[in-house]
N, C-alpha and C. Protein backbone atom coordinates (compact mmCIF):
# COMPACT_ATOMS: atom_id res chain seq x y z
N MET A 1 -43.13 4.87 42.81
CA MET A 1 -43.41 4.28 41.53
C MET A 1 -42.14 4.37 40.68
N ALA A 2 -41.75 3.27 40.06
CA ALA A 2 -40.56 3.22 39.21
C ALA A 2 -40.93 3.68 37.80
N THR A 3 -40.03 4.39 37.21
CA THR A 3 -40.26 4.82 35.83
C THR A 3 -39.24 4.15 34.92
N THR A 4 -39.65 3.91 33.74
CA THR A 4 -38.78 3.28 32.75
C THR A 4 -38.58 4.25 31.61
N GLN A 5 -37.34 4.40 31.23
CA GLN A 5 -37.03 5.28 30.13
C GLN A 5 -36.64 4.42 28.93
N LEU A 6 -37.26 4.66 27.80
CA LEU A 6 -36.96 3.91 26.60
C LEU A 6 -35.95 4.68 25.76
N ALA A 7 -34.97 3.98 25.29
CA ALA A 7 -33.99 4.61 24.41
C ALA A 7 -34.50 4.51 22.98
N THR A 8 -34.49 5.61 22.31
CA THR A 8 -34.93 5.58 20.92
C THR A 8 -33.72 5.38 20.03
N ARG A 9 -33.93 4.71 18.96
CA ARG A 9 -32.85 4.45 18.02
C ARG A 9 -33.24 5.02 16.67
N SER A 10 -32.31 5.66 16.05
CA SER A 10 -32.54 6.26 14.75
C SER A 10 -32.81 5.19 13.70
N LEU A 11 -33.53 5.55 12.67
CA LEU A 11 -33.72 4.64 11.55
C LEU A 11 -32.42 4.38 10.81
N PHE A 12 -31.47 5.32 10.91
CA PHE A 12 -30.18 5.19 10.25
C PHE A 12 -29.13 4.82 11.28
N PRO A 13 -28.44 3.69 11.10
CA PRO A 13 -27.44 3.28 12.09
C PRO A 13 -26.23 4.20 12.08
N ASN A 14 -25.53 4.19 13.20
CA ASN A 14 -24.27 4.92 13.28
C ASN A 14 -23.36 4.38 12.18
N ILE A 15 -22.78 5.26 11.40
CA ILE A 15 -22.00 4.82 10.24
C ILE A 15 -20.84 3.92 10.64
N ALA A 16 -20.19 4.20 11.77
CA ALA A 16 -19.08 3.36 12.23
C ALA A 16 -19.58 1.96 12.58
N GLU A 17 -20.73 1.88 13.27
CA GLU A 17 -21.30 0.57 13.59
C GLU A 17 -21.65 -0.19 12.32
N PHE A 18 -22.17 0.53 11.34
CA PHE A 18 -22.54 -0.09 10.08
C PHE A 18 -21.33 -0.75 9.41
N PHE A 19 -20.21 -0.02 9.29
CA PHE A 19 -19.04 -0.58 8.63
C PHE A 19 -18.35 -1.64 9.48
N ASN A 20 -18.43 -1.50 10.80
CA ASN A 20 -17.81 -2.50 11.67
C ASN A 20 -18.55 -3.83 11.61
N SER A 21 -19.78 -3.84 11.11
CA SER A 21 -20.54 -5.08 11.03
C SER A 21 -20.08 -5.98 9.89
N PHE A 22 -19.27 -5.47 8.97
CA PHE A 22 -18.76 -6.27 7.87
C PHE A 22 -17.55 -7.08 8.35
N PRO A 23 -17.51 -8.37 8.04
CA PRO A 23 -16.37 -9.19 8.48
C PRO A 23 -15.04 -8.70 7.94
N ALA A 24 -15.01 -8.12 6.75
CA ALA A 24 -13.76 -7.68 6.15
C ALA A 24 -13.30 -6.33 6.67
N ALA A 25 -14.07 -5.69 7.54
CA ALA A 25 -13.71 -4.35 8.01
C ALA A 25 -12.35 -4.34 8.69
N ASP A 26 -11.99 -5.42 9.39
CA ASP A 26 -10.69 -5.46 10.07
C ASP A 26 -9.53 -5.50 9.08
N LEU A 27 -9.77 -5.93 7.85
CA LEU A 27 -8.70 -5.95 6.86
C LEU A 27 -8.32 -4.54 6.43
N LEU A 28 -9.22 -3.59 6.63
CA LEU A 28 -8.96 -2.21 6.24
C LEU A 28 -8.16 -1.47 7.30
N ARG A 29 -8.02 -2.06 8.47
CA ARG A 29 -7.31 -1.41 9.56
C ARG A 29 -6.14 -2.27 9.98
N SER A 30 -5.19 -1.65 10.62
CA SER A 30 -4.07 -2.37 11.17
C SER A 30 -4.14 -2.15 12.68
N ASN A 31 -4.27 -3.22 13.44
CA ASN A 31 -4.47 -3.14 14.90
C ASN A 31 -5.68 -2.29 15.25
N GLY A 32 -6.67 -2.25 14.38
CA GLY A 32 -7.88 -1.49 14.66
C GLY A 32 -7.78 -0.03 14.32
N HIS A 33 -6.60 0.47 13.96
CA HIS A 33 -6.39 1.88 13.66
C HIS A 33 -5.58 2.00 12.38
N LEU A 34 -5.84 3.00 11.62
CA LEU A 34 -5.12 3.21 10.37
C LEU A 34 -4.30 4.48 10.46
N ILE A 35 -3.03 4.38 10.10
CA ILE A 35 -2.17 5.55 10.01
C ILE A 35 -2.27 6.02 8.56
N LYS A 36 -2.68 7.25 8.37
CA LYS A 36 -2.78 7.81 7.02
C LYS A 36 -1.39 8.21 6.56
N VAL A 37 -1.05 7.79 5.33
CA VAL A 37 0.26 8.12 4.79
C VAL A 37 0.14 8.63 3.36
N GLU A 38 1.18 9.35 2.95
CA GLU A 38 1.36 9.68 1.55
C GLU A 38 2.80 9.33 1.24
N GLU A 39 3.02 8.84 0.03
CA GLU A 39 4.37 8.43 -0.33
C GLU A 39 4.66 8.84 -1.76
N GLN A 40 5.95 9.15 -2.00
CA GLN A 40 6.37 9.54 -3.34
C GLN A 40 7.88 9.37 -3.46
N VAL A 41 8.34 9.30 -4.70
CA VAL A 41 9.77 9.26 -4.96
C VAL A 41 10.12 10.60 -5.58
N GLU A 42 11.06 11.30 -4.95
CA GLU A 42 11.48 12.61 -5.45
C GLU A 42 12.98 12.77 -5.26
N ASP A 43 13.66 13.24 -6.29
CA ASP A 43 15.10 13.49 -6.24
C ASP A 43 15.90 12.27 -5.75
N GLY A 44 15.55 11.08 -6.24
CA GLY A 44 16.27 9.87 -5.87
C GLY A 44 16.03 9.41 -4.45
N LYS A 45 14.93 9.87 -3.84
CA LYS A 45 14.60 9.48 -2.47
C LYS A 45 13.12 9.08 -2.40
N TYR A 46 12.87 8.01 -1.68
CA TYR A 46 11.49 7.61 -1.37
C TYR A 46 11.13 8.37 -0.10
N VAL A 47 10.02 9.12 -0.13
CA VAL A 47 9.61 9.91 1.02
C VAL A 47 8.21 9.46 1.45
N LEU A 48 8.08 9.10 2.71
CA LEU A 48 6.80 8.70 3.29
C LEU A 48 6.46 9.70 4.39
N ARG A 49 5.25 10.24 4.34
CA ARG A 49 4.76 11.13 5.39
C ARG A 49 3.56 10.45 6.04
N ALA A 50 3.59 10.39 7.36
CA ALA A 50 2.52 9.72 8.11
C ALA A 50 1.92 10.69 9.12
N GLU A 51 0.59 10.73 9.17
CA GLU A 51 -0.11 11.57 10.16
C GLU A 51 -0.09 10.87 11.51
N LEU A 52 0.58 11.49 12.47
CA LEU A 52 0.66 10.95 13.83
C LEU A 52 0.53 12.08 14.84
N PRO A 53 -0.61 12.78 14.86
CA PRO A 53 -0.75 13.89 15.79
C PRO A 53 -0.88 13.42 17.24
N GLY A 54 -0.43 14.26 18.14
CA GLY A 54 -0.63 14.01 19.57
C GLY A 54 0.22 12.92 20.17
N ILE A 55 1.38 12.67 19.60
CA ILE A 55 2.26 11.65 20.16
C ILE A 55 3.63 12.25 20.47
N ASP A 56 4.37 11.56 21.30
CA ASP A 56 5.75 11.94 21.58
C ASP A 56 6.63 11.01 20.75
N PRO A 57 7.27 11.52 19.68
CA PRO A 57 8.03 10.63 18.80
C PRO A 57 9.21 9.93 19.49
N ASP A 58 9.74 10.53 20.54
CA ASP A 58 10.86 9.90 21.25
C ASP A 58 10.43 8.67 22.03
N LYS A 59 9.21 8.67 22.54
CA LYS A 59 8.73 7.56 23.37
C LYS A 59 7.74 6.65 22.66
N ASP A 60 6.96 7.19 21.73
CA ASP A 60 5.80 6.46 21.24
C ASP A 60 5.86 5.99 19.79
N VAL A 61 6.98 6.18 19.11
CA VAL A 61 7.07 5.79 17.69
C VAL A 61 8.30 4.93 17.47
N ASN A 62 8.13 3.88 16.67
CA ASN A 62 9.24 3.01 16.29
C ASN A 62 9.14 2.78 14.79
N VAL A 63 10.23 3.03 14.06
CA VAL A 63 10.28 2.82 12.61
C VAL A 63 11.32 1.73 12.36
N THR A 64 10.92 0.68 11.63
CA THR A 64 11.83 -0.42 11.33
C THR A 64 11.76 -0.75 9.84
N ILE A 65 12.85 -1.34 9.36
CA ILE A 65 12.88 -1.86 7.99
C ILE A 65 13.34 -3.31 8.10
N ARG A 66 12.55 -4.19 7.50
CA ARG A 66 12.89 -5.61 7.50
C ARG A 66 12.40 -6.22 6.19
N ASN A 67 13.30 -6.88 5.49
CA ASN A 67 12.97 -7.57 4.23
C ASN A 67 12.27 -6.65 3.23
N GLY A 68 12.74 -5.42 3.11
CA GLY A 68 12.18 -4.50 2.13
C GLY A 68 10.85 -3.87 2.52
N THR A 69 10.46 -4.03 3.78
CA THR A 69 9.21 -3.45 4.26
C THR A 69 9.50 -2.45 5.37
N LEU A 70 8.99 -1.24 5.21
CA LEU A 70 9.11 -0.19 6.23
C LEU A 70 7.86 -0.27 7.10
N THR A 71 8.05 -0.37 8.41
CA THR A 71 6.92 -0.47 9.34
C THR A 71 7.00 0.64 10.36
N ILE A 72 5.86 1.30 10.57
CA ILE A 72 5.74 2.34 11.59
C ILE A 72 4.83 1.79 12.68
N ASN A 73 5.32 1.76 13.91
CA ASN A 73 4.52 1.39 15.08
C ASN A 73 4.42 2.63 15.96
N ALA A 74 3.22 2.96 16.38
CA ALA A 74 3.03 4.11 17.25
C ALA A 74 1.96 3.79 18.27
N LYS A 75 2.02 4.49 19.39
CA LYS A 75 0.96 4.35 20.39
C LYS A 75 0.62 5.74 20.91
N ARG A 76 -0.62 5.89 21.32
CA ARG A 76 -1.07 7.20 21.79
C ARG A 76 -2.06 6.99 22.93
N GLU A 77 -1.93 7.88 23.91
CA GLU A 77 -2.93 7.95 24.97
C GLU A 77 -3.20 9.43 25.17
N GLN A 78 -4.39 9.82 24.87
CA GLN A 78 -4.75 11.23 24.90
C GLN A 78 -6.18 11.35 25.40
N SER A 79 -6.45 12.33 26.22
CA SER A 79 -7.82 12.58 26.65
C SER A 79 -8.14 14.05 26.48
N GLU A 80 -9.39 14.30 26.24
CA GLU A 80 -9.84 15.67 26.01
C GLU A 80 -11.16 15.84 26.76
N SER A 81 -11.28 16.94 27.48
CA SER A 81 -12.56 17.18 28.15
C SER A 81 -12.88 18.66 28.10
N ARG A 82 -14.18 18.92 27.93
CA ARG A 82 -14.66 20.30 27.93
C ARG A 82 -16.14 20.28 28.25
N GLU A 83 -16.53 21.16 29.12
CA GLU A 83 -17.93 21.37 29.50
C GLU A 83 -18.69 20.05 29.73
N GLY A 84 -18.13 19.19 30.56
CA GLY A 84 -18.82 17.96 30.92
C GLY A 84 -18.71 16.84 29.90
N TYR A 85 -17.96 17.04 28.85
CA TYR A 85 -17.80 16.05 27.81
C TYR A 85 -16.34 15.62 27.79
N SER A 86 -16.09 14.33 27.76
CA SER A 86 -14.71 13.88 27.66
C SER A 86 -14.62 12.79 26.62
N GLU A 87 -13.45 12.71 26.00
CA GLU A 87 -13.23 11.70 24.98
C GLU A 87 -11.79 11.24 25.07
N PHE A 88 -11.60 9.93 24.96
CA PHE A 88 -10.27 9.34 25.00
C PHE A 88 -9.92 8.84 23.61
N SER A 89 -8.68 9.04 23.22
CA SER A 89 -8.18 8.54 21.96
C SER A 89 -6.86 7.84 22.29
N TYR A 90 -6.88 6.53 22.22
CA TYR A 90 -5.68 5.81 22.57
C TYR A 90 -5.62 4.50 21.81
N GLY A 91 -4.47 3.93 21.80
CA GLY A 91 -4.30 2.63 21.15
C GLY A 91 -2.96 2.54 20.45
N GLU A 92 -2.76 1.37 19.83
CA GLU A 92 -1.54 1.14 19.07
C GLU A 92 -1.88 1.19 17.59
N PHE A 93 -0.96 1.75 16.82
CA PHE A 93 -1.15 1.95 15.40
C PHE A 93 0.03 1.32 14.66
N THR A 94 -0.23 0.66 13.56
CA THR A 94 0.83 0.07 12.76
C THR A 94 0.50 0.28 11.30
N ARG A 95 1.53 0.61 10.54
CA ARG A 95 1.36 0.72 9.08
C ARG A 95 2.65 0.25 8.44
N SER A 96 2.54 -0.63 7.44
CA SER A 96 3.69 -1.16 6.72
C SER A 96 3.54 -0.86 5.24
N VAL A 97 4.66 -0.52 4.61
CA VAL A 97 4.68 -0.27 3.16
C VAL A 97 5.91 -0.96 2.58
N THR A 98 5.79 -1.39 1.35
CA THR A 98 6.90 -2.01 0.65
C THR A 98 7.77 -0.91 0.04
N LEU A 99 9.06 -0.99 0.31
CA LEU A 99 9.99 0.00 -0.22
C LEU A 99 10.32 -0.31 -1.68
N PRO A 100 10.64 0.71 -2.47
CA PRO A 100 10.99 0.47 -3.87
C PRO A 100 12.33 -0.26 -3.98
N GLN A 101 12.53 -0.94 -5.10
CA GLN A 101 13.80 -1.63 -5.32
C GLN A 101 14.94 -0.62 -5.34
N GLY A 102 16.07 -1.05 -4.82
CA GLY A 102 17.25 -0.20 -4.81
C GLY A 102 17.34 0.71 -3.60
N PHE A 103 16.47 0.52 -2.59
CA PHE A 103 16.53 1.40 -1.42
C PHE A 103 17.84 1.15 -0.66
N VAL A 104 18.34 2.22 -0.03
CA VAL A 104 19.61 2.15 0.70
C VAL A 104 19.27 2.18 2.20
N GLU A 105 19.26 1.00 2.80
CA GLU A 105 18.77 0.83 4.17
C GLU A 105 19.58 1.60 5.22
N ASN A 106 20.89 1.66 5.08
CA ASN A 106 21.71 2.29 6.13
C ASN A 106 21.74 3.81 6.06
N GLU A 107 20.97 4.42 5.13
CA GLU A 107 20.94 5.89 5.04
C GLU A 107 19.53 6.45 5.28
N VAL A 108 18.67 5.68 5.92
CA VAL A 108 17.29 6.11 6.19
C VAL A 108 17.30 7.18 7.27
N LYS A 109 16.48 8.20 7.08
CA LYS A 109 16.34 9.28 8.07
C LYS A 109 14.86 9.46 8.38
N ALA A 110 14.57 9.82 9.64
CA ALA A 110 13.19 10.07 10.05
C ALA A 110 13.15 11.34 10.89
N GLY A 111 12.08 12.12 10.72
CA GLY A 111 11.89 13.33 11.50
C GLY A 111 10.40 13.52 11.81
N TYR A 112 10.12 14.29 12.83
CA TYR A 112 8.74 14.51 13.26
C TYR A 112 8.53 15.99 13.51
N ARG A 113 7.50 16.56 12.89
CA ARG A 113 7.18 17.97 13.08
C ARG A 113 5.71 18.20 12.82
N ASP A 114 5.07 18.94 13.71
CA ASP A 114 3.66 19.33 13.56
C ASP A 114 2.74 18.15 13.30
N GLY A 115 2.99 17.02 13.98
CA GLY A 115 2.12 15.86 13.88
C GLY A 115 2.36 14.99 12.66
N ILE A 116 3.42 15.28 11.90
CA ILE A 116 3.73 14.51 10.70
C ILE A 116 5.11 13.85 10.86
N LEU A 117 5.13 12.53 10.71
CA LEU A 117 6.38 11.78 10.70
C LEU A 117 6.82 11.69 9.24
N THR A 118 8.05 12.08 8.94
CA THR A 118 8.59 12.00 7.58
C THR A 118 9.77 11.04 7.60
N VAL A 119 9.69 10.01 6.76
CA VAL A 119 10.77 9.04 6.63
C VAL A 119 11.31 9.16 5.21
N THR A 120 12.63 9.37 5.10
CA THR A 120 13.28 9.53 3.81
C THR A 120 14.25 8.38 3.60
N VAL A 121 14.09 7.69 2.46
CA VAL A 121 14.91 6.53 2.15
C VAL A 121 15.57 6.76 0.78
N PRO A 122 16.90 6.87 0.74
CA PRO A 122 17.56 7.01 -0.56
C PRO A 122 17.31 5.77 -1.43
N VAL A 123 17.16 6.01 -2.73
CA VAL A 123 16.94 4.92 -3.67
C VAL A 123 18.01 5.02 -4.75
N ALA A 124 18.79 3.95 -4.91
CA ALA A 124 19.83 3.92 -5.94
C ALA A 124 19.16 3.86 -7.31
N GLU A 125 19.72 4.57 -8.25
CA GLU A 125 19.16 4.59 -9.59
C GLU A 125 19.26 3.20 -10.21
N ALA A 126 18.15 2.73 -10.72
CA ALA A 126 18.13 1.41 -11.34
C ALA A 126 18.89 1.46 -12.67
N LYS A 127 19.81 0.55 -12.83
CA LYS A 127 20.57 0.46 -14.08
C LYS A 127 20.28 -0.89 -14.70
N ASP A 128 19.37 -0.90 -15.63
CA ASP A 128 19.00 -2.14 -16.30
C ASP A 128 19.56 -2.09 -17.71
N GLU A 129 20.81 -2.48 -17.80
CA GLU A 129 21.46 -2.48 -19.11
C GLU A 129 21.15 -3.74 -19.88
N GLY A 130 20.53 -4.69 -19.21
CA GLY A 130 20.19 -5.95 -19.87
C GLY A 130 21.39 -6.86 -19.97
N THR A 131 21.14 -8.06 -20.40
CA THR A 131 22.18 -9.06 -20.59
C THR A 131 21.99 -9.69 -21.95
N GLU A 132 23.07 -9.75 -22.70
CA GLU A 132 23.00 -10.41 -24.01
C GLU A 132 23.19 -11.90 -23.80
N VAL A 133 22.31 -12.68 -24.39
CA VAL A 133 22.37 -14.13 -24.26
C VAL A 133 22.87 -14.71 -25.58
N LYS A 134 23.95 -15.49 -25.50
CA LYS A 134 24.52 -16.09 -26.69
C LYS A 134 23.68 -17.28 -27.12
N ILE A 135 23.43 -17.36 -28.38
CA ILE A 135 22.64 -18.47 -28.92
C ILE A 135 23.61 -19.52 -29.44
N GLU A 136 23.48 -20.70 -28.92
CA GLU A 136 24.34 -21.81 -29.33
C GLU A 136 23.67 -22.56 -30.48
N THR A 137 24.47 -22.99 -31.40
CA THR A 137 23.96 -23.80 -32.51
C THR A 137 24.65 -25.14 -32.49
N ASP A 138 23.95 -26.13 -33.00
CA ASP A 138 24.51 -27.50 -33.04
C ASP A 138 25.62 -27.62 -34.00
């Protein structure tokens, strides 16, 4: 005799499934994954810190600057298993930010430590002395 097992479903949907059902949900992610960042300007430098745990920065991270936009591309393939449970975390991640005016492109530095990528971009001090406009009269 064959038996049938019914899967029960909770009255409350999985929160990830719930948010993924919105058409605009993809606008909140870049390539399906979001790199969390914090950014600030300190001591004449724009500093961006990005959470990128579990990657090899030499092989899996690329930082580029093009047209005033800093872009971080990363990829990860990681698996974890314990007591009969396994989970894979993999994919490509991209995050772009607009750099402040006056950034010095050829002096950008990047470093990686303890799962945090830090990109430092010098910013030239803005000097807005203004321009005097002569008024012509007839």
